[in-house]
C-alpha atoms as a PDB file:
ATOM      1  CA  MET A   1       0.008   0.058  -0.116  1.00  0.00           C
ATOM      2  CA  LYS A   2       2.638   2.411   0.946  1.00  0.00           C
ATOM      3  CA  LYS A   3       4.703   1.437  -2.471  1.00  0.00           C
ATOM      4  CA  ALA A   4       1.234   2.137  -4.519  1.00  0.00           C
ATOM      5  CA  GLY A   5       0.808   5.583  -2.547  1.00  0.00           C
ATOM      6  CA  LEU A   6       4.513   6.502  -3.358  1.00  0.00           C
ATOM      7  CA  CYS A   7       3.963   5.720  -6.887  1.00  0.00           C
ATOM      8  CA  LEU A   8       0.791   7.708  -7.290  1.00  0.00           C
ATOM      9  CA  LEU A   9       2.482  10.835  -5.295  1.00  0.00           C
ATOM     10  CA  LEU A  10       5.334  10.810  -7.857  1.00  0.00           C
ATOM     11  CA  SER A  11       3.421  10.516 -11.035  1.00  0.00           C
ATOM     12  CA  LEU A  12       1.048  13.391  -9.729  1.00  0.00           C
ATOM     13  CA  LEU A  13       4.380  15.523  -9.176  1.00  0.00           C
ATOM     14  CA  LEU A  14       5.689  14.779 -12.538  1.00  0.00           C
ATOM     15  CA  LEU A  15       2.252  16.349 -13.844  1.00  0.00           C
ATOM     16  CA  LEU A  16       3.104  19.404 -12.021  1.00  0.00           C
ATOM     17  CA  PRO A  17       4.733  22.581 -13.951  1.00  0.00           C
ATOM     18  CA  GLY A  18       8.527  22.489 -13.425  1.00  0.00           C
ATOM     19  CA  CYS A  19       8.685  18.879 -12.358  1.00  0.00           C
ATOM     20  CA  ALA A  20       9.272  17.485 -15.990  1.00  0.00           C
ATOM     21  CA  GLY A  21      11.996  18.695 -18.456  1.00  0.00           C
ATOM     22  CA  ARG A  22      10.831  21.941 -20.251  1.00  0.00           C
ATOM     23  CA  GLY A  23      10.497  21.584 -23.967  1.00  0.00           C
ATOM     24  CA  PRO A  24      11.895  24.176 -26.521  1.00  0.00           C
ATOM     25  CA  GLU A  25       8.668  26.017 -26.753  1.00  0.00           C
ATOM     26  CA  GLU A  26       8.826  26.696 -22.816  1.00  0.00           C
ATOM     27  CA  GLU A  27      12.257  28.052 -22.834  1.00  0.00           C
ATOM     28  CA  HIS A  28      12.426  31.569 -21.067  1.00  0.00           C
ATOM     29  CA  LEU A  29      11.498  34.334 -22.903  1.00  0.00           C
ATOM     30  CA  ILE A  30      13.767  37.590 -22.926  1.00  0.00           C
ATOM     31  CA  ARG A  31      11.537  40.192 -21.183  1.00  0.00           C
ATOM     32  CA  VAL A  32      11.998  43.780 -22.801  1.00  0.00           C
ATOM     33  CA  GLY A  33      10.553  46.680 -21.723  1.00  0.00           C
ATOM     34  CA  PHE A  34       9.882  49.385 -24.691  1.00  0.00           C
ATOM     35  CA  SER A  35       9.176  53.019 -23.875  1.00  0.00           C
ATOM     36  CA  GLN A  36       8.266  54.624 -27.342  1.00  0.00           C
ATOM     37  CA  VAL A  37       7.965  58.490 -28.045  1.00  0.00           C
ATOM     38  CA  GLY A  38       4.332  58.250 -29.488  1.00  0.00           C
ATOM     39  CA  SER A  39       2.455  57.479 -32.642  1.00  0.00           C
ATOM     40  CA  GLU A  40       3.129  61.283 -34.144  1.00  0.00           C
ATOM     41  CA  SER A  41       4.283  60.448 -37.449  1.00  0.00           C
ATOM     42  CA  ASP A  42       4.352  57.870 -40.113  1.00  0.00           C
ATOM     43  CA  TRP A  43       8.503  57.497 -39.117  1.00  0.00           C
ATOM     44  CA  ARG A  44       7.405  56.754 -35.517  1.00  0.00           C
ATOM     45  CA  ILE A  45       4.616  53.992 -36.905  1.00  0.00           C
ATOM     46  CA  ALA A  46       7.197  52.181 -38.873  1.00  0.00           C
ATOM     47  CA  ASN A  47       9.630  52.370 -36.023  1.00  0.00           C
ATOM     48  CA  THR A  48       7.013  50.861 -33.618  1.00  0.00           C
ATOM     49  CA  ALA A  49       6.071  48.383 -36.253  1.00  0.00           C
ATOM     50  CA  SER A  50       9.803  47.451 -36.722  1.00  0.00           C
ATOM     51  CA  MET A  51      10.551  46.725 -32.908  1.00  0.00           C
ATOM     52  CA  VAL A  52       7.182  44.896 -32.120  1.00  0.00           C
ATOM     53  CA  ALA A  53       7.914  42.507 -34.975  1.00  0.00           C
ATOM     54  CA  ALA A  54      11.654  41.895 -34.129  1.00  0.00           C
ATOM     55  CA  LEU A  55      10.735  41.560 -30.306  1.00  0.00           C
ATOM     56  CA  SER A  56       8.266  38.913 -30.776  1.00  0.00           C
ATOM     57  CA  GLU A  57       7.700  35.895 -29.050  1.00  0.00           C
ATOM     58  CA  ALA A  58       8.179  33.726 -31.906  1.00  0.00           C
ATOM     59  CA  ASN A  59      11.851  35.581 -31.902  1.00  0.00           C
ATOM     60  CA  GLY A  60      12.215  34.591 -28.145  1.00  0.00           C
ATOM     61  CA  TYR A  61      10.773  37.860 -26.424  1.00  0.00           C
ATOM     62  CA  GLU A  62       8.329  39.021 -24.114  1.00  0.00           C
ATOM     63  CA  LEU A  63       7.741  42.678 -25.002  1.00  0.00           C
ATOM     64  CA  LEU A  64       6.158  45.138 -22.722  1.00  0.00           C
ATOM     65  CA  PHE A  65       5.194  48.145 -24.802  1.00  0.00           C
ATOM     66  CA  ASP A  66       4.483  51.712 -23.791  1.00  0.00           C
ATOM     67  CA  ASN A  67       3.214  54.692 -25.818  1.00  0.00           C
ATOM     68  CA  ALA A  68       4.335  57.748 -24.017  1.00  0.00           C
ATOM     69  CA  LYS A  69       2.212  60.070 -26.073  1.00  0.00           C
ATOM     70  CA  GLN A  70       4.994  62.466 -26.448  1.00  0.00           C
ATOM     71  CA  ARG A  71       5.312  63.293 -22.820  1.00  0.00           C
ATOM     72  CA  GLN A  72       8.549  62.779 -20.932  1.00  0.00           C
ATOM     73  CA  GLU A  73       6.730  62.043 -17.592  1.00  0.00           C
ATOM     74  CA  ASN A  74       4.854  59.416 -19.086  1.00  0.00           C
ATOM     75  CA  GLN A  75       8.151  57.862 -20.072  1.00  0.00           C
ATOM     76  CA  LEU A  76       9.600  58.144 -16.757  1.00  0.00           C
ATOM     77  CA  LEU A  77       6.649  56.469 -15.156  1.00  0.00           C
ATOM     78  CA  ALA A  78       7.104  53.550 -17.869  1.00  0.00           C
ATOM     79  CA  ILE A  79      10.795  53.125 -17.073  1.00  0.00           C
ATOM     80  CA  ARG A  80       9.879  52.617 -13.554  1.00  0.00           C
ATOM     81  CA  ASN A  81       7.205  50.048 -13.895  1.00  0.00           C
ATOM     82  CA  PHE A  82       9.629  48.167 -16.085  1.00  0.00           C
ATOM     83  CA  ILE A  83      12.032  48.026 -13.672  1.00  0.00           C
ATOM     84  CA  GLN A  84       9.097  46.995 -10.911  1.00  0.00           C
ATOM     85  CA  GLN A  85       8.282  43.970 -13.485  1.00  0.00           C
ATOM     86  CA  ASP A  86      12.091  42.904 -13.565  1.00  0.00           C
ATOM     87  CA  VAL A  87      12.695  43.252 -17.114  1.00  0.00           C
ATOM     88  CA  ASP A  88      15.753  42.001 -18.328  1.00  0.00           C
ATOM     89  CA  TYR A  89      16.442  44.892 -20.843  1.00  0.00           C
ATOM     90  CA  ILE A  90      14.707  48.433 -21.277  1.00  0.00           C
ATOM     91  CA  VAL A  91      14.681  49.935 -24.679  1.00  0.00           C
ATOM     92  CA  LEU A  92      13.888  53.728 -24.641  1.00  0.00           C
ATOM     93  CA  ALA A  93      13.185  56.070 -27.572  1.00  0.00           C
ATOM     94  CA  PRO A  94      13.671  59.461 -25.797  1.00  0.00           C
ATOM     95  CA  ILE A  95      11.637  62.334 -26.471  1.00  0.00           C
ATOM     96  CA  THR A  96      14.296  64.775 -25.461  1.00  0.00           C
ATOM     97  CA  GLU A  97      17.809  64.298 -24.748  1.00  0.00           C
ATOM     98  CA  SER A  98      17.826  65.419 -20.822  1.00  0.00           C
ATOM     99  CA  GLY A  99      16.164  64.381 -17.836  1.00  0.00           C
ATOM    100  CA  TRP A 100      17.198  60.906 -17.902  1.00  0.00           C
ATOM    101  CA  ASP A 101      19.959  60.658 -15.150  1.00  0.00           C
ATOM    102  CA  ASP A 102      17.884  59.569 -11.960  1.00  0.00           C
ATOM    103  CA  VAL A 103      15.555  56.997 -13.626  1.00  0.00           C
ATOM    104  CA  LEU A 104      18.603  55.626 -15.792  1.00  0.00           C
ATOM    105  CA  GLN A 105      20.457  55.510 -12.394  1.00  0.00           C
ATOM    106  CA  GLU A 106      17.713  53.486 -11.218  1.00  0.00           C
ATOM    107  CA  ALA A 107      17.643  50.781 -13.828  1.00  0.00           C
ATOM    108  CA  LYS A 108      21.434  50.444 -13.479  1.00  0.00           C
ATOM    109  CA  ASN A 109      20.876  49.599  -9.768  1.00  0.00           C
ATOM    110  CA  ASN A 110      18.662  47.075 -10.503  1.00  0.00           C
ATOM    111  CA  HIS A 111      21.353  45.712 -13.212  1.00  0.00           C
ATOM    112  CA  ILE A 112      18.969  46.150 -16.258  1.00  0.00           C
ATOM    113  CA  PRO A 113      20.942  47.347 -19.271  1.00  0.00           C
ATOM    114  CA  VAL A 114      19.280  50.252 -21.179  1.00  0.00           C
ATOM    115  CA  ILE A 115      19.416  50.448 -25.027  1.00  0.00           C
ATOM    116  CA  ILE A 116      18.363  53.859 -26.368  1.00  0.00           C
ATOM    117  CA  VAL A 117      17.049  53.994 -30.053  1.00  0.00           C
ATOM    118  CA  ASP A 118      16.502  56.722 -32.559  1.00  0.00           C
ATOM    119  CA  ARG A 119      17.279  60.246 -30.315  1.00  0.00           C
ATOM    120  CA  ARG A 120      20.223  60.406 -28.104  1.00  0.00           C
ATOM    121  CA  ILE A 121      20.323  61.348 -24.529  1.00  0.00           C
ATOM    122  CA  ASP A 122      22.306  63.731 -22.519  1.00  0.00           C
ATOM    123  CA  VAL A 123      23.704  62.112 -19.336  1.00  0.00           C
ATOM    124  CA  ALA A 124      26.389  62.972 -16.841  1.00  0.00           C
ATOM    125  CA  ASP A 125      27.566  59.472 -16.888  1.00  0.00           C
ATOM    126  CA  GLU A 126      27.114  57.275 -20.104  1.00  0.00           C
ATOM    127  CA  SER A 127      27.626  53.911 -18.369  1.00  0.00           C
ATOM    128  CA  LEU A 128      23.664  54.769 -17.659  1.00  0.00           C
ATOM    129  CA  TYR A 129      22.985  53.000 -20.787  1.00  0.00           C
ATOM    130  CA  THR A 130      24.450  50.190 -22.742  1.00  0.00           C
ATOM    131  CA  SER A 131      24.337  51.330 -26.307  1.00  0.00           C
ATOM    132  CA  TRP A 132      22.636  53.571 -28.776  1.00  0.00           C
ATOM    133  CA  VAL A 133      21.341  52.717 -32.403  1.00  0.00           C
ATOM    134  CA  GLY A 134      19.876  55.410 -34.557  1.00  0.00           C
ATOM    135  CA  SER A 135      20.657  58.358 -37.397  1.00  0.00           C
ATOM    136  CA  ASP A 136      23.596  60.655 -37.877  1.00  0.00           C
ATOM    137  CA  PHE A 137      20.935  63.499 -37.881  1.00  0.00           C
ATOM    138  CA  LEU A 138      23.451  66.058 -38.368  1.00  0.00           C
ATOM    139  CA  ALA A 139      24.989  64.360 -41.527  1.00  0.00           C
ATOM    140  CA  GLU A 140      21.318  64.328 -42.842  1.00  0.00           C
ATOM    141  CA  GLY A 141      21.106  68.163 -42.333  1.00  0.00           C
ATOM    142  CA  ARG A 142      24.279  68.679 -44.120  1.00  0.00           C
ATOM    143  CA  ARG A 143      23.279  66.199 -46.808  1.00  0.00           C
ATOM    144  CA  ALA A 144      20.095  68.300 -47.636  1.00  0.00           C
ATOM    145  CA  VAL A 145      22.389  71.625 -47.446  1.00  0.00           C
ATOM    146  CA  ARG A 146      24.864  69.944 -49.777  1.00  0.00           C
ATOM    147  CA  TRP A 147      21.897  69.326 -52.303  1.00  0.00           C
ATOM    148  CA  LEU A 148      20.389  72.788 -51.992  1.00  0.00           C
ATOM    149  CA  GLU A 149      23.837  74.503 -52.818  1.00  0.00           C
ATOM    150  CA  ALA A 150      24.176  72.275 -55.808  1.00  0.00           C
ATOM    151  CA  GLN A 151      20.686  72.995 -57.257  1.00  0.00           C
ATOM    152  CA  LEU A 152      21.432  76.607 -56.582  1.00  0.00           C
ATOM    153  CA  GLU A 153      24.377  76.634 -58.487  1.00  0.00           C
ATOM    154  CA  ALA A 154      23.031  74.370 -61.266  1.00  0.00           C
ATOM    155  CA  GLN A 155      20.186  76.998 -61.735  1.00  0.00           C
ATOM    156  CA  GLY A 156      22.829  80.119 -61.576  1.00  0.00           C
ATOM    157  CA  ARG A 157      21.393  81.336 -58.375  1.00  0.00           C
ATOM    158  CA  ALA A 158      24.109  80.755 -55.821  1.00  0.00           C
ATOM    159  CA  GLU A 159      24.606  84.450 -55.482  1.00  0.00           C
ATOM    160  CA  GLU A 160      20.933  85.420 -55.236  1.00  0.00           C
ATOM    161  CA  LYS A 161      19.075  86.235 -51.802  1.00  0.00           C
ATOM    162  CA  LEU A 162      17.482  82.946 -50.690  1.00  0.00           C
ATOM    163  CA  ARG A 163      14.736  83.313 -48.347  1.00  0.00           C
ATOM    164  CA  ILE A 164      14.336  80.230 -45.965  1.00  0.00           C
ATOM    165  CA  LEU A 165      11.312  79.081 -43.779  1.00  0.00           C
ATOM    166  CA  HIS A 166      12.434  76.363 -41.232  1.00  0.00           C
ATOM    167  CA  ILE A 167       9.594  74.138 -39.834  1.00  0.00           C
ATOM    168  CA  GLN A 168      11.070  72.687 -36.404  1.00  0.00           C
ATOM    169  CA  GLY A 169      10.643  69.104 -34.742  1.00  0.00           C
ATOM    170  CA  THR A 170      10.204  68.956 -31.234  1.00  0.00           C
ATOM    171  CA  TYR A 171      12.605  71.117 -29.247  1.00  0.00           C
ATOM    172  CA  GLY A 172      15.302  69.371 -27.479  1.00  0.00           C
ATOM    173  CA  ALA A 173      14.765  66.145 -29.568  1.00  0.00           C
ATOM    174  CA  THR A 174      18.280  64.944 -31.004  1.00  0.00           C
ATOM    175  CA  ALA A 175      16.811  64.993 -34.446  1.00  0.00           C
ATOM    176  CA  GLN A 176      15.517  68.682 -33.998  1.00  0.00           C
ATOM    177  CA  LEU A 177      18.878  69.988 -32.382  1.00  0.00           C
ATOM    178  CA  GLN A 178      21.182  68.288 -35.268  1.00  0.00           C
ATOM    179  CA  ARG A 179      19.172  69.238 -38.560  1.00  0.00           C
ATOM    180  CA  THR A 180      18.647  72.811 -36.845  1.00  0.00           C
ATOM    181  CA  ARG A 181      22.416  72.908 -36.304  1.00  0.00           C
ATOM    182  CA  ALA A 182      23.147  72.129 -40.168  1.00  0.00           C
ATOM    183  CA  LEU A 183      20.825  74.678 -41.217  1.00  0.00           C
ATOM    184  CA  THR A 184      22.687  77.191 -38.935  1.00  0.00           C
ATOM    185  CA  GLU A 185      25.844  76.347 -40.078  1.00  0.00           C
ATOM    186  CA  ALA A 186      24.886  77.172 -43.826  1.00  0.00           C
ATOM    187  CA  LEU A 187      23.178  80.234 -42.779  1.00  0.00           C
ATOM    188  CA  ALA A 188      26.563  81.314 -41.328  1.00  0.00           C
ATOM    189  CA  ALA A 189      28.302  80.294 -44.287  1.00  0.00           C
ATOM    190  CA  HIS A 190      26.173  81.905 -46.736  1.00  0.00           C
ATOM    191  CA  PRO A 191      25.499  85.546 -46.296  1.00  0.00           C
ATOM    192  CA  ASN A 192      22.943  85.685 -49.064  1.00  0.00           C
ATOM    193  CA  TRP A 193      20.630  83.349 -47.159  1.00  0.00           C
ATOM    194  CA  GLU A 194      18.098  84.665 -45.010  1.00  0.00           C
ATOM    195  CA  LEU A 195      16.031  83.135 -42.397  1.00  0.00           C
ATOM    196  CA  VAL A 196      12.658  84.174 -42.683  1.00  0.00           C
ATOM    197  CA  ALA A 197      10.882  82.393 -39.647  1.00  0.00           C
ATOM    198  CA  GLN A 198      10.989  79.369 -37.729  1.00  0.00           C
ATOM    199  CA  LEU A 199       7.741  77.519 -36.755  1.00  0.00           C
ATOM    200  CA  PRO A 200       7.423  74.706 -34.305  1.00  0.00           C
ATOM    201  CA  GLY A 201       5.724  71.887 -36.088  1.00  0.00           C
ATOM    202  CA  GLU A 202       6.405  69.394 -33.462  1.00  0.00           C
ATOM    203  CA  TYR A 203       7.031  66.580 -36.016  1.00  0.00           C
ATOM    204  CA  THR A 204       2.973  66.721 -36.554  1.00  0.00           C
ATOM    205  CA  GLU A 205       1.152  67.339 -40.152  1.00  0.00           C
ATOM    206  CA  ALA A 206      -1.781  69.094 -38.437  1.00  0.00           C
ATOM    207  CA  LYS A 207       0.413  71.603 -36.368  1.00  0.00           C
ATOM    208  CA  SER A 208       2.562  72.237 -39.504  1.00  0.00           C
ATOM    209  CA  TYR A 209      -0.453  72.979 -41.594  1.00  0.00           C
ATOM    210  CA  GLU A 210      -2.022  75.219 -39.257  1.00  0.00           C
ATOM    211  CA  LEU A 211       1.290  77.204 -38.652  1.00  0.00           C
ATOM    212  CA  MET A 212       1.808  77.377 -42.320  1.00  0.00           C
ATOM    213  CA  ARG A 213      -1.669  78.760 -42.874  1.00  0.00           C
ATOM    214  CA  GLU A 214      -0.939  81.443 -40.432  1.00  0.00           C
ATOM    215  CA  PHE A 215       2.446  82.211 -41.908  1.00  0.00           C
ATOM    216  CA  LEU A 216       1.247  82.715 -45.685  1.00  0.00           C
ATOM    217  CA  GLN A 217      -1.400  85.121 -44.419  1.00  0.00           C
ATOM    218  CA  SER A 218       1.599  87.086 -43.434  1.00  0.00           C
ATOM    219  CA  GLY A 219       2.760  87.931 -47.083  1.00  0.00           C
ATOM    220  CA  GLN A 220       6.312  87.244 -46.447  1.00  0.00           C
ATOM    221  CA  GLU A 221       8.121  85.328 -49.537  1.00  0.00           C
ATOM    222  CA  ILE A 222       9.861  82.324 -49.289  1.00  0.00           C
ATOM    223  CA  ASP A 223      12.180  80.320 -51.769  1.00  0.00           C
ATOM    224  CA  VAL A 224      12.791  77.228 -49.612  1.00  0.00           C
ATOM    225  CA  ILE A 225      11.213  75.453 -46.846  1.00  0.00           C
ATOM    226  CA  TYR A 226      13.684  73.477 -44.740  1.00  0.00           C
ATOM    227  CA  SER A 227      11.354  70.891 -42.857  1.00  0.00           C
ATOM    228  CA  GLU A 228      12.500  68.679 -40.117  1.00  0.00           C
ATOM    229  CA  ASN A 229      10.131  65.671 -40.738  1.00  0.00           C
ATOM    230  CA  ASP A 230       8.119  64.482 -43.636  1.00  0.00           C
ATOM    231  CA  ASN A 231       4.796  64.772 -41.653  1.00  0.00           C
ATOM    232  CA  MET A 232       5.443  68.460 -41.338  1.00  0.00           C
ATOM    233  CA  SER A 233       6.106  68.740 -44.970  1.00  0.00           C
ATOM    234  CA  PHE A 234       2.748  67.255 -45.539  1.00  0.00           C
ATOM    235  CA  GLY A 235       1.334  69.836 -43.458  1.00  0.00           C
ATOM    236  CA  ALA A 236       3.069  72.559 -45.344  1.00  0.00           C
ATOM    237  CA  VAL A 237       2.211  71.285 -48.763  1.00  0.00           C
ATOM    238  CA  ARG A 238      -1.673  71.187 -48.065  1.00  0.00           C
ATOM    239  CA  ALA A 239      -1.423  74.807 -47.111  1.00  0.00           C
ATOM    240  CA  LEU A 240       0.614  75.927 -49.946  1.00  0.00           C
ATOM    241  CA  GLU A 241      -1.658  73.953 -52.429  1.00  0.00           C
ATOM    242  CA  GLU A 242      -4.852  75.732 -50.571  1.00  0.00           C
ATOM    243  CA  ALA A 243      -3.363  79.120 -51.133  1.00  0.00           C
ATOM    244  CA  GLY A 244      -2.562  78.209 -54.810  1.00  0.00           C
ATOM    245  CA  ILE A 245       1.226  78.317 -54.241  1.00  0.00           C
ATOM    246  CA  PRO A 246       3.347  75.838 -56.373  1.00  0.00           C
ATOM    247  CA  CYS A 247       6.250  73.938 -54.743  1.00  0.00           C
ATOM    248  CA  GLY A 248       8.899  71.442 -55.393  1.00  0.00           C
ATOM    249  CA  GLY A 249       9.696  72.506 -58.855  1.00  0.00           C
ATOM    250  CA  GLU A 250      12.544  74.696 -60.404  1.00  0.00           C
ATOM    251  CA  GLY A 251      11.433  78.123 -59.987  1.00  0.00           C
ATOM    252  CA  GLU A 252       8.991  77.393 -57.243  1.00  0.00           C
ATOM    253  CA  ILE A 253       9.155  76.836 -53.589  1.00  0.00           C
ATOM    254  CA  MET A 254      11.701  74.159 -53.090  1.00  0.00           C
ATOM    255  CA  ILE A 255      10.851  71.914 -50.052  1.00  0.00           C
ATOM    256  CA  LEU A 256      13.559  69.817 -48.147  1.00  0.00           C
ATOM    257  CA  SER A 257      12.076  67.124 -46.119  1.00  0.00           C
ATOM    258  CA  PHE A 258      13.391  64.348 -43.745  1.00  0.00           C
ATOM    259  CA  ASP A 259      12.520  60.923 -43.225  1.00  0.00           C
ATOM    260  CA  ALA A 260      11.749  59.493 -46.829  1.00  0.00           C
ATOM    261  CA  VAL A 261       8.647  57.536 -45.947  1.00  0.00           C
ATOM    262  CA  ARG A 262       6.909  56.119 -48.990  1.00  0.00           C
ATOM    263  CA  ARG A 263       4.035  59.069 -49.286  1.00  0.00           C
ATOM    264  CA  ALA A 264       6.995  61.609 -49.097  1.00  0.00           C
ATOM    265  CA  LEU A 265       8.758  59.833 -52.152  1.00  0.00           C
ATOM    266  CA  GLU A 266       5.407  59.912 -54.018  1.00  0.00           C
ATOM    267  CA  LEU A 267       5.379  63.498 -53.448  1.00  0.00           C
ATOM    268  CA  CYS A 268       8.587  64.014 -54.682  1.00  0.00           C
ATOM    269  CA  ARG A 269       8.286  61.940 -57.715  1.00  0.00           C
ATOM    270  CA  ASP A 270       5.241  64.131 -58.294  1.00  0.00           C
ATOM    271  CA  GLY A 271       7.219  67.308 -57.793  1.00  0.00           C
ATOM    272  CA  LYS A 272       5.760  68.526 -54.856  1.00  0.00           C
ATOM    273  CA  LEU A 273       8.667  67.810 -52.654  1.00  0.00           C
ATOM    274  CA  SER A 274      12.190  68.594 -53.904  1.00  0.00           C
ATOM    275  CA  LEU A 275      14.519  66.636 -51.568  1.00  0.00           C
ATOM    276  CA  CYS A 276      13.703  63.610 -49.053  1.00  0.00           C
ATOM    277  CA  VAL A 277      16.649  62.840 -47.047  1.00  0.00           C
ATOM    278  CA  GLU A 278      16.237  59.236 -45.547  1.00  0.00           C
ATOM    279  CA  CYS A 279      16.019  58.453 -41.855  1.00  0.00           C
ATOM    280  CA  ASN A 280      15.658  54.918 -41.565  1.00  0.00           C
ATOM    281  CA  PRO A 281      13.265  53.629 -38.693  1.00  0.00           C
ATOM    282  CA  LEU A 282      13.700  49.955 -39.140  1.00  0.00           C
ATOM    283  CA  HIS A 283      15.745  49.672 -35.898  1.00  0.00           C
ATOM    284  CA  GLY A 284      13.777  46.344 -34.680  1.00  0.00           C
ATOM    285  CA  PRO A 285      16.590  43.865 -36.134  1.00  0.00           C
ATOM    286  CA  ARG A 286      19.354  46.129 -34.999  1.00  0.00           C
ATOM    287  CA  VAL A 287      17.999  46.291 -31.442  1.00  0.00           C
ATOM    288  CA  ALA A 288      17.384  42.462 -31.292  1.00  0.00           C
ATOM    289  CA  SER A 289      21.009  42.023 -32.709  1.00  0.00           C
ATOM    290  CA  LEU A 290      22.415  43.971 -29.709  1.00  0.00           C
ATOM    291  CA  LEU A 291      20.317  42.142 -27.038  1.00  0.00           C
ATOM    292  CA  GLN A 292      21.232  38.784 -28.046  1.00  0.00           C
ATOM    293  CA  GLU A 293      24.771  40.159 -27.901  1.00  0.00           C
ATOM    294  CA  LEU A 294      24.103  40.959 -24.394  1.00  0.00           C
ATOM    295  CA  ALA A 295      22.554  37.824 -23.572  1.00  0.00           C
ATOM    296  CA  ARG A 296      25.516  35.838 -24.754  1.00  0.00           C
ATOM    297  CA  GLY A 297      27.642  38.026 -22.363  1.00  0.00           C
ATOM    298  CA  GLY A 298      29.082  40.192 -25.131  1.00  0.00           C
ATOM    299  CA  ALA A 299      29.972  44.053 -25.396  1.00  0.00           C
ATOM    300  CA  PRO A 300      28.422  45.804 -28.117  1.00  0.00           C
ATOM    301  CA  ALA A 301      29.159  48.721 -29.641  1.00  0.00           C
ATOM    302  CA  LYS A 302      28.206  52.151 -27.905  1.00  0.00           C
ATOM    303  CA  LEU A 303      26.984  53.692 -30.923  1.00  0.00           C
ATOM    304  CA  THR A 304      25.300  52.205 -34.188  1.00  0.00           C
ATOM    305  CA  PHE A 305      24.555  54.520 -37.037  1.00  0.00           C
ATOM    306  CA  VAL A 306      22.375  53.592 -39.835  1.00  0.00           C
ATOM    307  CA  ASP A 307      23.332  53.867 -43.519  1.00  0.00           C
ATOM    308  CA  GLU A 308      20.834  56.342 -45.226  1.00  0.00           C
ATOM    309  CA  LEU A 309      20.415  58.178 -48.658  1.00  0.00           C
ATOM    310  CA  ALA A 310      18.696  61.095 -49.996  1.00  0.00           C
ATOM    311  CA  PHE A 311      16.258  61.378 -52.937  1.00  0.00           C
ATOM    312  CA  ASP A 312      15.191  63.919 -55.440  1.00  0.00           C
ATOM    313  CA  ARG A 313      12.792  63.593 -58.335  1.00  0.00           C
ATOM    314  CA  ALA A 314      15.653  62.755 -60.567  1.00  0.00           C
ATOM    315  CA  MET A 315      16.933  59.674 -58.498  1.00  0.00           C
ATOM    316  CA  LEU A 316      13.227  58.323 -57.786  1.00  0.00           C
ATOM    317  CA  THR A 317      11.942  55.547 -59.646  1.00  0.00           C
ATOM    318  CA  ASP A 318       8.648  53.434 -59.273  1.00  0.00           C
ATOM    319  CA  GLU A 319      10.491  50.427 -58.277  1.00  0.00           C
ATOM    320  CA  ILE A 320      12.373  52.516 -55.288  1.00  0.00           C
ATOM    321  CA  ILE A 321       8.908  53.695 -53.920  1.00  0.00           C
ATOM    322  CA  ARG A 322       7.155  50.320 -54.214  1.00  0.00           C
ATOM    323  CA  ASP A 323       9.929  48.663 -52.693  1.00  0.00           C
ATOM    324  CA  ARG A 324       9.918  50.974 -49.574  1.00  0.00           C
ATOM    325  CA  GLU A 325       8.965  49.236 -46.331  1.00  0.00           C
ATOM    326  CA  TYR A 326       7.413  52.470 -44.658  1.00  0.00           C
END
């Protein structure tokens, strides 16, 4: 009887979770908390989709996703929640560069590595984050400036007065700071270039559209719009078209735009945008690669820049636009 009872007890224990060997499907998933800026633009939506696809359960991850809705306080709360939930890694797409020291110190104290994506952060101790993945925004801005210089030279307008309207992204974001810096450098190098106004477009189409409408009512003339992302360019184009003002072509208002999402490339092909400077949002696979390297005990590079191009109407083909992933 005792022997029979013992056998029954052993049989029951074997049926309990953890008593038998785990199959491959039950292996530990890497828990990742991801705090995203928001969903304010086509670029941001594509960036989120790339991260979610790469950090899927099928790929060995449990992703805890938080949309900060463009509020830094939401990101700070999300990171602290991730820490409380004992995630293995934190991925942060920061809204602005400053204000991260305390919360990242908390993550470090809890031995949770942090990967920064897209925008950069300004911290006193760079050991507070493990790696950063993103674009060289200053190089993007300088690429746009070089293109503009070449176009003006080709049109015989290099010495003429050039009036520039600057539509800026969210103040304090790395892309805004660095793309603005590139334009500031260009204005200093070209005394005949005039900055007519700067509009705070906040990376959204709706805000840019309203600001552009108001600006056009002032009657000020412009030759170039330097717009720090595609969605703000879409708003500017809509306002210009409603006002009956042509843009994009030679002799018209030139619009230099950043991100190069499919919709922007289509407008460039159709002659409404003059230049699309690429800012690649597909960071998911790169982040997953960094996480795998960390999981193996490796030491990934501190900074990883993505390769990017710029497109004008002469360069674009239907094939390039069709094959665009975002």
